[in-house]
Amino acid sequence: MINQLKQKWTMLLKVSVIILTISFSVTLWAGDHDNARELMESGDIVPLENILEQLQKRIAGRVIEVELEQKNDRLVYEIEQIDNKGIVREFVFDATDGHLLKEKIDE
């Protein structure tokens, strides 16, 4: 019983630190919101709202970080999400067509 309480408190502490530290930050490719907006308006990338809707249908949780990055020859959205159990997952979506490329649990 003491171990269970200790594990719960440890998890709550980790979640609190993550939430307080990150608290929903958005970092865009090259740090430039205008470039991201231009890419979206030109149809080169899928709007972030579409990706986030797709993610919420997949797994309920709170987004804690979003990045639009150039990876090799493609643009990707990297999204970190925390679920109601405190599990943090990282998702990588192809920004040009919105399909999920990778999902991993951060430990």
PDB file of N, CA and C in Angstrom:
ATOM      1  N   MET A   1       0.810  -1.187   0.000  1.00  0.00           N
ATOM      2  CA  MET A   1       0.000   0.000   0.000  1.00  0.00           C
ATOM      3  C   MET A   1       0.863   1.266   0.000  1.00  0.00           C
ATOM      4  N   ILE A   2       1.926   1.255   0.767  1.00  0.00           N
ATOM      5  CA  ILE A   2       2.833   2.403   0.800  1.00  0.00           C
ATOM      6  C   ILE A   2       3.494   2.585  -0.560  1.00  0.00           C
ATOM      7  N   ASN A   3       3.861   1.467  -1.207  1.00  0.00           N
ATOM      8  CA  ASN A   3       4.453   1.546  -2.542  1.00  0.00           C
ATOM      9  C   ASN A   3       3.484   2.161  -3.541  1.00  0.00           C
ATOM     10  N   GLN A   4       2.210   1.788  -3.456  1.00  0.00           N
ATOM     11  CA  GLN A   4       1.202   2.333  -4.368  1.00  0.00           C
ATOM     12  C   GLN A   4       1.057   3.845  -4.174  1.00  0.00           C
ATOM     13  N   LEU A   5       1.018   4.268  -2.916  1.00  0.00           N
ATOM     14  CA  LEU A   5       0.927   5.703  -2.633  1.00  0.00           C
ATOM     15  C   LEU A   5       2.162   6.441  -3.138  1.00  0.00           C
ATOM     16  N   LYS A   6       3.303   5.837  -2.909  1.00  0.00           N
ATOM     17  CA  LYS A   6       4.557   6.445  -3.353  1.00  0.00           C
ATOM     18  C   LYS A   6       4.563   6.579  -4.877  1.00  0.00           C
ATOM     19  N   GLN A   7       4.109   5.541  -5.595  1.00  0.00           N
ATOM     20  CA  GLN A   7       4.052   5.579  -7.050  1.00  0.00           C
ATOM     21  C   GLN A   7       3.080   6.653  -7.534  1.00  0.00           C
ATOM     22  N   LYS A   8       1.924   6.758  -6.881  1.00  0.00           N
ATOM     23  CA  LYS A   8       0.943   7.778  -7.266  1.00  0.00           C
ATOM     24  C   LYS A   8       1.495   9.181  -7.057  1.00  0.00           C
ATOM     25  N   TRP A   9       2.140   9.418  -5.935  1.00  0.00           N
ATOM     26  CA  TRP A   9       2.718  10.734  -5.670  1.00  0.00           C
ATOM     27  C   TRP A   9       3.842  11.054  -6.645  1.00  0.00           C
ATOM     28  N   THR A  10       4.643  10.053  -6.966  1.00  0.00           N
ATOM     29  CA  THR A  10       5.716  10.252  -7.934  1.00  0.00           C
ATOM     30  C   THR A  10       5.137  10.625  -9.293  1.00  0.00           C
ATOM     31  N   MET A  11       4.096   9.918  -9.713  1.00  0.00           N
ATOM     32  CA  MET A  11       3.447  10.210 -10.986  1.00  0.00           C
ATOM     33  C   MET A  11       2.846  11.613 -10.970  1.00  0.00           C
ATOM     34  N   LEU A  12       2.156  11.974  -9.897  1.00  0.00           N
ATOM     35  CA  LEU A  12       1.574  13.308  -9.793  1.00  0.00           C
ATOM     36  C   LEU A  12       2.638  14.394  -9.848  1.00  0.00           C
ATOM     37  N   LEU A  13       3.759  14.146  -9.198  1.00  0.00           N
ATOM     38  CA  LEU A  13       4.852  15.107  -9.223  1.00  0.00           C
ATOM     39  C   LEU A  13       5.402  15.273 -10.627  1.00  0.00           C
ATOM     40  N   LYS A  14       5.602  14.143 -11.327  1.00  0.00           N
ATOM     41  CA  LYS A  14       6.104  14.209 -12.702  1.00  0.00           C
ATOM     42  C   LYS A  14       5.140  14.981 -13.594  1.00  0.00           C
ATOM     43  N   VAL A  15       3.867  14.674 -13.481  1.00  0.00           N
ATOM     44  CA  VAL A  15       2.859  15.348 -14.293  1.00  0.00           C
ATOM     45  C   VAL A  15       2.843  16.838 -13.982  1.00  0.00           C
ATOM     46  N   SER A  16       2.906  17.193 -12.722  1.00  0.00           N
ATOM     47  CA  SER A  16       2.903  18.601 -12.324  1.00  0.00           C
ATOM     48  C   SER A  16       4.105  19.335 -12.890  1.00  0.00           C
ATOM     49  N   VAL A  17       5.257  18.717 -12.821  1.00  0.00           N
ATOM     50  CA  VAL A  17       6.473  19.340 -13.351  1.00  0.00           C
ATOM     51  C   VAL A  17       6.343  19.542 -14.851  1.00  0.00           C
ATOM     52  N   ILE A  18       5.843  18.528 -15.548  1.00  0.00           N
ATOM     53  CA  ILE A  18       5.660  18.643 -17.003  1.00  0.00           C
ATOM     54  C   ILE A  18       4.697  19.773 -17.320  1.00  0.00           C
ATOM     55  N   ILE A  19       3.581  19.804 -16.632  1.00  0.00           N
ATOM     56  CA  ILE A  19       2.566  20.819 -16.906  1.00  0.00           C
ATOM     57  C   ILE A  19       3.092  22.214 -16.589  1.00  0.00           C
ATOM     58  N   LEU A  20       3.747  22.370 -15.447  1.00  0.00           N
ATOM     59  CA  LEU A  20       4.264  23.680 -15.078  1.00  0.00           C
ATOM     60  C   LEU A  20       5.406  24.129 -15.981  1.00  0.00           C
ATOM     61  N   THR A  21       6.225  23.195 -16.409  1.00  0.00           N
ATOM     62  CA  THR A  21       7.381  23.540 -17.228  1.00  0.00           C
ATOM     63  C   THR A  21       6.986  23.856 -18.661  1.00  0.00           C
ATOM     64  N   ILE A  22       6.120  23.034 -19.218  1.00  0.00           N
ATOM     65  CA  ILE A  22       5.814  23.163 -20.642  1.00  0.00           C
ATOM     66  C   ILE A  22       4.572  23.999 -20.887  1.00  0.00           C
ATOM     67  N   SER A  23       3.471  23.668 -20.216  1.00  0.00           N
ATOM     68  CA  SER A  23       2.217  24.418 -20.245  1.00  0.00           C
ATOM     69  C   SER A  23       1.739  24.830 -21.626  1.00  0.00           C
ATOM     70  N   PHE A  24       1.870  24.087 -22.596  1.00  0.00           N
ATOM     71  CA  PHE A  24       1.457  24.276 -23.988  1.00  0.00           C
ATOM     72  C   PHE A  24       2.293  25.343 -24.695  1.00  0.00           C
ATOM     73  N   SER A  25       3.372  24.886 -25.254  1.00  0.00           N
ATOM     74  CA  SER A  25       4.214  25.762 -26.048  1.00  0.00           C
ATOM     75  C   SER A  25       4.110  25.342 -27.504  1.00  0.00           C
ATOM     76  N   VAL A  26       4.198  26.292 -28.372  1.00  0.00           N
ATOM     77  CA  VAL A  26       4.163  26.001 -29.800  1.00  0.00           C
ATOM     78  C   VAL A  26       5.421  26.572 -30.414  1.00  0.00           C
ATOM     79  N   THR A  27       6.227  25.700 -31.005  1.00  0.00           N
ATOM     80  CA  THR A  27       7.431  26.120 -31.682  1.00  0.00           C
ATOM     81  C   THR A  27       7.281  25.753 -33.145  1.00  0.00           C
ATOM     82  N   LEU A  28       7.388  26.706 -34.016  1.00  0.00           N
ATOM     83  CA  LEU A  28       7.194  26.434 -35.427  1.00  0.00           C
ATOM     84  C   LEU A  28       8.524  26.350 -36.158  1.00  0.00           C
ATOM     85  N   TRP A  29       8.483  25.649 -37.281  1.00  0.00           N
ATOM     86  CA  TRP A  29       9.652  25.442 -38.119  1.00  0.00           C
ATOM     87  C   TRP A  29      10.378  26.753 -38.326  1.00  0.00           C
ATOM     88  N   ALA A  30      11.663  26.730 -38.091  1.00  0.00           N
ATOM     89  CA  ALA A  30      12.534  27.896 -38.211  1.00  0.00           C
ATOM     90  C   ALA A  30      12.103  29.020 -37.266  1.00  0.00           C
ATOM     91  N   GLY A  31      11.248  28.684 -36.299  1.00  0.00           N
ATOM     92  CA  GLY A  31      10.823  29.675 -35.330  1.00  0.00           C
ATOM     93  C   GLY A  31       9.998  30.798 -35.933  1.00  0.00           C
ATOM     94  N   ASP A  32       9.441  30.596 -37.120  1.00  0.00           N
ATOM     95  CA  ASP A  32       8.772  31.679 -37.827  1.00  0.00           C
ATOM     96  C   ASP A  32       7.317  31.335 -38.095  1.00  0.00           C
ATOM     97  N   HIS A  33       6.414  31.985 -37.381  1.00  0.00           N
ATOM     98  CA  HIS A  33       4.985  31.752 -37.548  1.00  0.00           C
ATOM     99  C   HIS A  33       4.520  32.124 -38.955  1.00  0.00           C
ATOM    100  N   ASP A  34       5.126  33.172 -39.510  1.00  0.00           N
ATOM    101  CA  ASP A  34       4.724  33.616 -40.848  1.00  0.00           C
ATOM    102  C   ASP A  34       5.013  32.557 -41.900  1.00  0.00           C
ATOM    103  N   ASN A  35       6.166  31.898 -41.804  1.00  0.00           N
ATOM    104  CA  ASN A  35       6.490  30.818 -42.748  1.00  0.00           C
ATOM    105  C   ASN A  35       5.479  29.686 -42.643  1.00  0.00           C
ATOM    106  N   ALA A  36       5.113  29.319 -41.428  1.00  0.00           N
ATOM    107  CA  ALA A  36       4.146  28.242 -41.229  1.00  0.00           C
ATOM    108  C   ALA A  36       2.789  28.639 -41.802  1.00  0.00           C
ATOM    109  N   ARG A  37       2.375  29.868 -41.571  1.00  0.00           N
ATOM    110  CA  ARG A  37       1.092  30.349 -42.097  1.00  0.00           C
ATOM    111  C   ARG A  37       1.116  30.325 -43.630  1.00  0.00           C
ATOM    112  N   GLU A  38       2.203  30.776 -44.236  1.00  0.00           N
ATOM    113  CA  GLU A  38       2.319  30.778 -45.699  1.00  0.00           C
ATOM    114  C   GLU A  38       2.261  29.355 -46.255  1.00  0.00           C
ATOM    115  N   LEU A  39       2.943  28.421 -45.597  1.00  0.00           N
ATOM    116  CA  LEU A  39       2.910  27.028 -46.038  1.00  0.00           C
ATOM    117  C   LEU A  39       1.492  26.461 -45.960  1.00  0.00           C
ATOM    118  N   MET A  40       0.766  26.816 -44.906  1.00  0.00           N
ATOM    119  CA  MET A  40      -0.594  26.332 -44.749  1.00  0.00           C
ATOM    120  C   MET A  40      -1.512  26.963 -45.799  1.00  0.00           C
ATOM    121  N   GLU A  41      -1.405  28.269 -45.974  1.00  0.00           N
ATOM    122  CA  GLU A  41      -2.263  28.966 -46.932  1.00  0.00           C
ATOM    123  C   GLU A  41      -2.005  28.533 -48.369  1.00  0.00           C
ATOM    124  N   SER A  42      -0.774  28.149 -48.658  1.00  0.00           N
ATOM    125  CA  SER A  42      -0.443  27.696 -50.017  1.00  0.00           C
ATOM    126  C   SER A  42      -0.834  26.235 -50.247  1.00  0.00           C
ATOM    127  N   GLY A  43      -1.242  25.558 -49.167  1.00  0.00           N
ATOM    128  CA  GLY A  43      -1.627  24.154 -49.294  1.00  0.00           C
ATOM    129  C   GLY A  43      -0.464  23.187 -49.184  1.00  0.00           C
ATOM    130  N   ASP A  44       0.719  23.701 -48.839  1.00  0.00           N
ATOM    131  CA  ASP A  44       1.897  22.835 -48.710  1.00  0.00           C
ATOM    132  C   ASP A  44       1.850  21.982 -47.455  1.00  0.00           C
ATOM    133  N   ILE A  45       1.153  22.464 -46.418  1.00  0.00           N
ATOM    134  CA  ILE A  45       0.991  21.676 -45.200  1.00  0.00           C
ATOM    135  C   ILE A  45      -0.481  21.693 -44.768  1.00  0.00           C
ATOM    136  N   VAL A  46      -0.858  20.687 -44.023  1.00  0.00           N
ATOM    137  CA  VAL A  46      -2.200  20.561 -43.462  1.00  0.00           C
ATOM    138  C   VAL A  46      -2.298  21.507 -42.262  1.00  0.00           C
ATOM    139  N   PRO A  47      -3.445  22.171 -42.075  1.00  0.00           N
ATOM    140  CA  PRO A  47      -3.586  23.024 -40.883  1.00  0.00           C
ATOM    141  C   PRO A  47      -3.407  22.214 -39.593  1.00  0.00           C
ATOM    142  N   LEU A  48      -2.763  22.815 -38.623  1.00  0.00           N
ATOM    143  CA  LEU A  48      -2.519  22.163 -37.345  1.00  0.00           C
ATOM    144  C   LEU A  48      -3.827  21.716 -36.696  1.00  0.00           C
ATOM    145  N   GLU A  49      -4.899  22.500 -36.868  1.00  0.00           N
ATOM    146  CA  GLU A  49      -6.192  22.131 -36.272  1.00  0.00           C
ATOM    147  C   GLU A  49      -6.635  20.744 -36.740  1.00  0.00           C
ATOM    148  N   ASN A  50      -6.417  20.436 -38.016  1.00  0.00           N
ATOM    149  CA  ASN A  50      -6.798  19.125 -38.551  1.00  0.00           C
ATOM    150  C   ASN A  50      -6.022  18.000 -37.867  1.00  0.00           C
ATOM    151  N   ILE A  51      -4.741  18.229 -37.653  1.00  0.00           N
ATOM    152  CA  ILE A  51      -3.898  17.224 -37.000  1.00  0.00           C
ATOM    153  C   ILE A  51      -4.346  17.028 -35.556  1.00  0.00           C
ATOM    154  N   LEU A  52      -4.622  18.135 -34.860  1.00  0.00           N
ATOM    155  CA  LEU A  52      -5.025  18.046 -33.452  1.00  0.00           C
ATOM    156  C   LEU A  52      -6.381  17.359 -33.307  1.00  0.00           C
ATOM    157  N   GLU A  53      -7.303  17.601 -34.238  1.00  0.00           N
ATOM    158  CA  GLU A  53      -8.597  16.903 -34.202  1.00  0.00           C
ATOM    159  C   GLU A  53      -8.387  15.401 -34.382  1.00  0.00           C
ATOM    160  N   GLN A  54      -7.543  15.040 -35.331  1.00  0.00           N
ATOM    161  CA  GLN A  54      -7.227  13.626 -35.579  1.00  0.00           C
ATOM    162  C   GLN A  54      -6.609  12.993 -34.333  1.00  0.00           C
ATOM    163  N   LEU A  55      -5.724  13.710 -33.672  1.00  0.00           N
ATOM    164  CA  LEU A  55      -5.057  13.204 -32.476  1.00  0.00           C
ATOM    165  C   LEU A  55      -6.047  12.992 -31.337  1.00  0.00           C
ATOM    166  N   GLN A  56      -6.966  13.935 -31.122  1.00  0.00           N
ATOM    167  CA  GLN A  56      -7.941  13.809 -30.043  1.00  0.00           C
ATOM    168  C   GLN A  56      -8.883  12.630 -30.262  1.00  0.00           C
ATOM    169  N   LYS A  57      -9.178  12.319 -31.519  1.00  0.00           N
ATOM    170  CA  LYS A  57     -10.008  11.146 -31.816  1.00  0.00           C
ATOM    171  C   LYS A  57      -9.245   9.860 -31.513  1.00  0.00           C
ATOM    172  N   ARG A  58      -7.929   9.914 -31.679  1.00  0.00           N
ATOM    173  CA  ARG A  58      -7.086   8.734 -31.470  1.00  0.00           C
ATOM    174  C   ARG A  58      -6.914   8.450 -29.978  1.00  0.00           C
ATOM    175  N   ILE A  59      -6.467   9.463 -29.237  1.00  0.00           N
ATOM    176  CA  ILE A  59      -6.214   9.329 -27.790  1.00  0.00           C
ATOM    177  C   ILE A  59      -6.552  10.656 -27.124  1.00  0.00           C
ATOM    178  N   ALA A  60      -7.448  10.614 -26.154  1.00  0.00           N
ATOM    179  CA  ALA A  60      -7.803  11.835 -25.423  1.00  0.00           C
ATOM    180  C   ALA A  60      -6.634  12.262 -24.551  1.00  0.00           C
ATOM    181  N   GLY A  61      -6.387  13.545 -24.512  1.00  0.00           N
ATOM    182  CA  GLY A  61      -5.311  14.067 -23.687  1.00  0.00           C
ATOM    183  C   GLY A  61      -5.114  15.542 -23.950  1.00  0.00           C
ATOM    184  N   ARG A  62      -4.130  16.093 -23.285  1.00  0.00           N
ATOM    185  CA  ARG A  62      -3.825  17.518 -23.420  1.00  0.00           C
ATOM    186  C   ARG A  62      -2.511  17.680 -24.153  1.00  0.00           C
ATOM    187  N   VAL A  63      -2.515  18.483 -25.188  1.00  0.00           N
ATOM    188  CA  VAL A  63      -1.302  18.759 -25.950  1.00  0.00           C
ATOM    189  C   VAL A  63      -0.406  19.657 -25.116  1.00  0.00           C
ATOM    190  N   ILE A  64       0.873  19.273 -25.009  1.00  0.00           N
ATOM    191  CA  ILE A  64       1.798  20.072 -24.207  1.00  0.00           C
ATOM    192  C   ILE A  64       2.905  20.695 -25.052  1.00  0.00           C
ATOM    193  N   GLU A  65       3.085  20.197 -26.283  1.00  0.00           N
ATOM    194  CA  GLU A  65       4.099  20.799 -27.141  1.00  0.00           C
ATOM    195  C   GLU A  65       3.819  20.435 -28.589  1.00  0.00           C
ATOM    196  N   VAL A  66       4.019  21.424 -29.471  1.00  0.00           N
ATOM    197  CA  VAL A  66       3.867  21.212 -30.907  1.00  0.00           C
ATOM    198  C   VAL A  66       5.052  21.847 -31.604  1.00  0.00           C
ATOM    199  N   GLU A  67       5.641  21.115 -32.540  1.00  0.00           N
ATOM    200  CA  GLU A  67       6.724  21.660 -33.352  1.00  0.00           C
ATOM    201  C   GLU A  67       6.466  21.304 -34.807  1.00  0.00           C
ATOM    202  N   LEU A  68       6.719  22.253 -35.689  1.00  0.00           N
ATOM    203  CA  LEU A  68       6.720  21.998 -37.120  1.00  0.00           C
ATOM    204  C   LEU A  68       8.172  22.029 -37.539  1.00  0.00           C
ATOM    205  N   GLU A  69       8.678  20.876 -37.986  1.00  0.00           N
ATOM    206  CA  GLU A  69      10.110  20.763 -38.258  1.00  0.00           C
ATOM    207  C   GLU A  69      10.373  20.148 -39.627  1.00  0.00           C
ATOM    208  N   GLN A  70      11.549  20.473 -40.145  1.00  0.00           N
ATOM    209  CA  GLN A  70      12.036  19.844 -41.365  1.00  0.00           C
ATOM    210  C   GLN A  70      12.836  18.612 -40.956  1.00  0.00           C
ATOM    211  N   LYS A  71      12.401  17.431 -41.396  1.00  0.00           N
ATOM    212  CA  LYS A  71      13.116  16.179 -41.129  1.00  0.00           C
ATOM    213  C   LYS A  71      13.484  15.572 -42.471  1.00  0.00           C
ATOM    214  N   ASN A  72      14.770  15.563 -42.765  1.00  0.00           N
ATOM    215  CA  ASN A  72      15.260  15.092 -44.060  1.00  0.00           C
ATOM    216  C   ASN A  72      14.559  15.859 -45.170  1.00  0.00           C
ATOM    217  N   ASP A  73      13.731  15.195 -45.946  1.00  0.00           N
ATOM    218  CA  ASP A  73      13.101  15.859 -47.094  1.00  0.00           C
ATOM    219  C   ASP A  73      11.630  16.187 -46.868  1.00  0.00           C
ATOM    220  N   ARG A  74      11.159  16.146 -45.630  1.00  0.00           N
ATOM    221  CA  ARG A  74       9.733  16.416 -45.390  1.00  0.00           C
ATOM    222  C   ARG A  74       9.530  17.283 -44.162  1.00  0.00           C
ATOM    223  N   LEU A  75       8.389  17.958 -44.150  1.00  0.00           N
ATOM    224  CA  LEU A  75       7.962  18.720 -42.982  1.00  0.00           C
ATOM    225  C   LEU A  75       7.090  17.825 -42.127  1.00  0.00           C
ATOM    226  N   VAL A  76       7.316  17.863 -40.819  1.00  0.00           N
ATOM    227  CA  VAL A  76       6.529  17.044 -39.894  1.00  0.00           C
ATOM    228  C   VAL A  76       6.069  17.887 -38.717  1.00  0.00           C
ATOM    229  N   TYR A  77       4.908  17.511 -38.192  1.00  0.00           N
ATOM    230  CA  TYR A  77       4.440  18.044 -36.915  1.00  0.00           C
ATOM    231  C   TYR A  77       4.864  17.039 -35.850  1.00  0.00           C
ATOM    232  N   GLU A  78       5.604  17.488 -34.857  1.00  0.00           N
ATOM    233  CA  GLU A  78       5.923  16.672 -33.692  1.00  0.00           C
ATOM    234  C   GLU A  78       5.053  17.191 -32.547  1.00  0.00           C
ATOM    235  N   ILE A  79       4.249  16.298 -31.991  1.00  0.00           N
ATOM    236  CA  ILE A  79       3.293  16.703 -30.969  1.00  0.00           C
ATOM    237  C   ILE A  79       3.473  15.830 -29.739  1.00  0.00           C
ATOM    238  N   GLU A  80       3.596  16.472 -28.584  1.00  0.00           N
ATOM    239  CA  GLU A  80       3.618  15.744 -27.310  1.00  0.00           C
ATOM    240  C   GLU A  80       2.277  15.949 -26.641  1.00  0.00           C
ATOM    241  N   GLN A  81       1.760  14.852 -26.083  1.00  0.00           N
ATOM    242  CA  GLN A  81       0.447  14.867 -25.447  1.00  0.00           C
ATOM    243  C   GLN A  81       0.525  14.098 -24.137  1.00  0.00           C
ATOM    244  N   ILE A  82      -0.184  14.590 -23.131  1.00  0.00           N
ATOM    245  CA  ILE A  82      -0.255  13.885 -21.851  1.00  0.00           C
ATOM    246  C   ILE A  82      -1.700  13.434 -21.646  1.00  0.00           C
ATOM    247  N   ASP A  83      -1.873  12.159 -21.300  1.00  0.00           N
ATOM    248  CA  ASP A  83      -3.236  11.656 -21.097  1.00  0.00           C
ATOM    249  C   ASP A  83      -3.638  11.776 -19.635  1.00  0.00           C
ATOM    250  N   ASN A  84      -4.860  11.339 -19.316  1.00  0.00           N
ATOM    251  CA  ASN A  84      -5.372  11.508 -17.956  1.00  0.00           C
ATOM    252  C   ASN A  84      -4.687  10.609 -16.930  1.00  0.00           C
ATOM    253  N   LYS A  85      -3.843   9.687 -17.388  1.00  0.00           N
ATOM    254  CA  LYS A  85      -3.068   8.841 -16.470  1.00  0.00           C
ATOM    255  C   LYS A  85      -1.646   9.369 -16.285  1.00  0.00           C
ATOM    256  N   GLY A  86      -1.330  10.485 -16.932  1.00  0.00           N
ATOM    257  CA  GLY A  86       0.004  11.067 -16.812  1.00  0.00           C
ATOM    258  C   GLY A  86       1.002  10.513 -17.797  1.00  0.00           C
ATOM    259  N   ILE A  87       0.552   9.735 -18.762  1.00  0.00           N
ATOM    260  CA  ILE A  87       1.458   9.161 -19.754  1.00  0.00           C
ATOM    261  C   ILE A  87       1.676  10.186 -20.870  1.00  0.00           C
ATOM    262  N   VAL A  88       2.944  10.452 -21.165  1.00  0.00           N
ATOM    263  CA  VAL A  88       3.294  11.401 -22.218  1.00  0.00           C
ATOM    264  C   VAL A  88       3.657  10.619 -23.470  1.00  0.00           C
ATOM    265  N   ARG A  89       3.008  10.994 -24.560  1.00  0.00           N
ATOM    266  CA  ARG A  89       3.273  10.350 -25.849  1.00  0.00           C
ATOM    267  C   ARG A  89       3.762  11.404 -26.831  1.00  0.00           C
ATOM    268  N   GLU A  90       4.634  10.969 -27.735  1.00  0.00           N
ATOM    269  CA  GLU A  90       5.080  11.831 -28.823  1.00  0.00           C
ATOM    270  C   GLU A  90       4.564  11.246 -30.126  1.00  0.00           C
ATOM    271  N   PHE A  91       3.954  12.106 -30.931  1.00  0.00           N
ATOM    272  CA  PHE A  91       3.434  11.716 -32.228  1.00  0.00           C
ATOM    273  C   PHE A  91       4.148  12.518 -33.295  1.00  0.00           C
ATOM    274  N   VAL A  92       4.422  11.880 -34.419  1.00  0.00           N
ATOM    275  CA  VAL A  92       5.007  12.568 -35.557  1.00  0.00           C
ATOM    276  C   VAL A  92       4.056  12.367 -36.733  1.00  0.00           C
ATOM    277  N   PHE A  93       3.556  13.492 -37.266  1.00  0.00           N
ATOM    278  CA  PHE A  93       2.647  13.477 -38.402  1.00  0.00           C
ATOM    279  C   PHE A  93       3.329  14.117 -39.606  1.00  0.00           C
ATOM    280  N   ASP A  94       3.101  13.546 -40.780  1.00  0.00           N
ATOM    281  CA  ASP A  94       3.556  14.181 -42.015  1.00  0.00           C
ATOM    282  C   ASP A  94       2.731  15.453 -42.180  1.00  0.00           C
ATOM    283  N   ALA A  95       3.386  16.595 -42.262  1.00  0.00           N
ATOM    284  CA  ALA A  95       2.669  17.866 -42.333  1.00  0.00           C
ATOM    285  C   ALA A  95       2.029  18.099 -43.693  1.00  0.00           C
ATOM    286  N   THR A  96       2.489  17.399 -44.723  1.00  0.00           N
ATOM    287  CA  THR A  96       1.940  17.635 -46.055  1.00  0.00           C
ATOM    288  C   THR A  96       0.623  16.913 -46.301  1.00  0.00           C
ATOM    289  N   ASP A  97       0.440  15.745 -45.679  1.00  0.00           N
ATOM    290  CA  ASP A  97      -0.815  15.014 -45.905  1.00  0.00           C
ATOM    291  C   ASP A  97      -1.521  14.603 -44.608  1.00  0.00           C
ATOM    292  N   GLY A  98      -0.886  14.818 -43.456  1.00  0.00           N
ATOM    293  CA  GLY A  98      -1.528  14.585 -42.170  1.00  0.00           C
ATOM    294  C   GLY A  98      -1.492  13.162 -41.645  1.00  0.00           C
ATOM    295  N   HIS A  99      -0.803  12.241 -42.331  1.00  0.00           N
ATOM    296  CA  HIS A  99      -0.825  10.869 -41.804  1.00  0.00           C
ATOM    297  C   HIS A  99       0.225  10.689 -40.700  1.00  0.00           C
ATOM    298  N   LEU A 100      -0.120   9.806 -39.774  1.00  0.00           N
ATOM    299  CA  LEU A 100       0.740   9.520 -38.625  1.00  0.00           C
ATOM    300  C   LEU A 100       1.948   8.713 -39.071  1.00  0.00           C
ATOM    301  N   LEU A 101       3.134   9.210 -38.743  1.00  0.00           N
ATOM    302  CA  LEU A 101       4.374   8.521 -39.093  1.00  0.00           C
ATOM    303  C   LEU A 101       4.913   7.695 -37.929  1.00  0.00           C
ATOM    304  N   LYS A 102       4.733   8.208 -36.703  1.00  0.00           N
ATOM    305  CA  LYS A 102       5.348   7.561 -35.554  1.00  0.00           C
ATOM    306  C   LYS A 102       4.600   7.939 -34.282  1.00  0.00           C
ATOM    307  N   GLU A 103       4.542   6.994 -33.359  1.00  0.00           N
ATOM    308  CA  GLU A 103       3.995   7.242 -32.028  1.00  0.00           C
ATOM    309  C   GLU A 103       4.896   6.539 -31.022  1.00  0.00           C
ATOM    310  N   LYS A 104       5.276   7.254 -29.980  1.00  0.00           N
ATOM    311  CA  LYS A 104       6.084   6.613 -28.939  1.00  0.00           C
ATOM    312  C   LYS A 104       5.704   7.179 -27.584  1.00  0.00           C
ATOM    313  N   ILE A 105       5.884   6.347 -26.577  1.00  0.00           N
ATOM    314  CA  ILE A 105       5.639   6.772 -25.198  1.00  0.00           C
ATOM    315  C   ILE A 105       6.945   7.285 -24.631  1.00  0.00           C
ATOM    316  N   ASP A 106       6.913   8.514 -24.103  1.00  0.00           N
ATOM    317  CA  ASP A 106       8.094   9.079 -23.454  1.00  0.00           C
ATOM    318  C   ASP A 106       8.184   8.538 -22.041  1.00  0.00           C
ATOM    319  N   GLU A 107       9.360   8.102 -21.684  1.00  0.00           N
ATOM    320  CA  GLU A 107       9.558   7.577 -20.334  1.00  0.00           C
ATOM    321  C   GLU A 107      10.586   8.368 -19.594  1.00  0.00           C
TER     322      GLU A 107
END
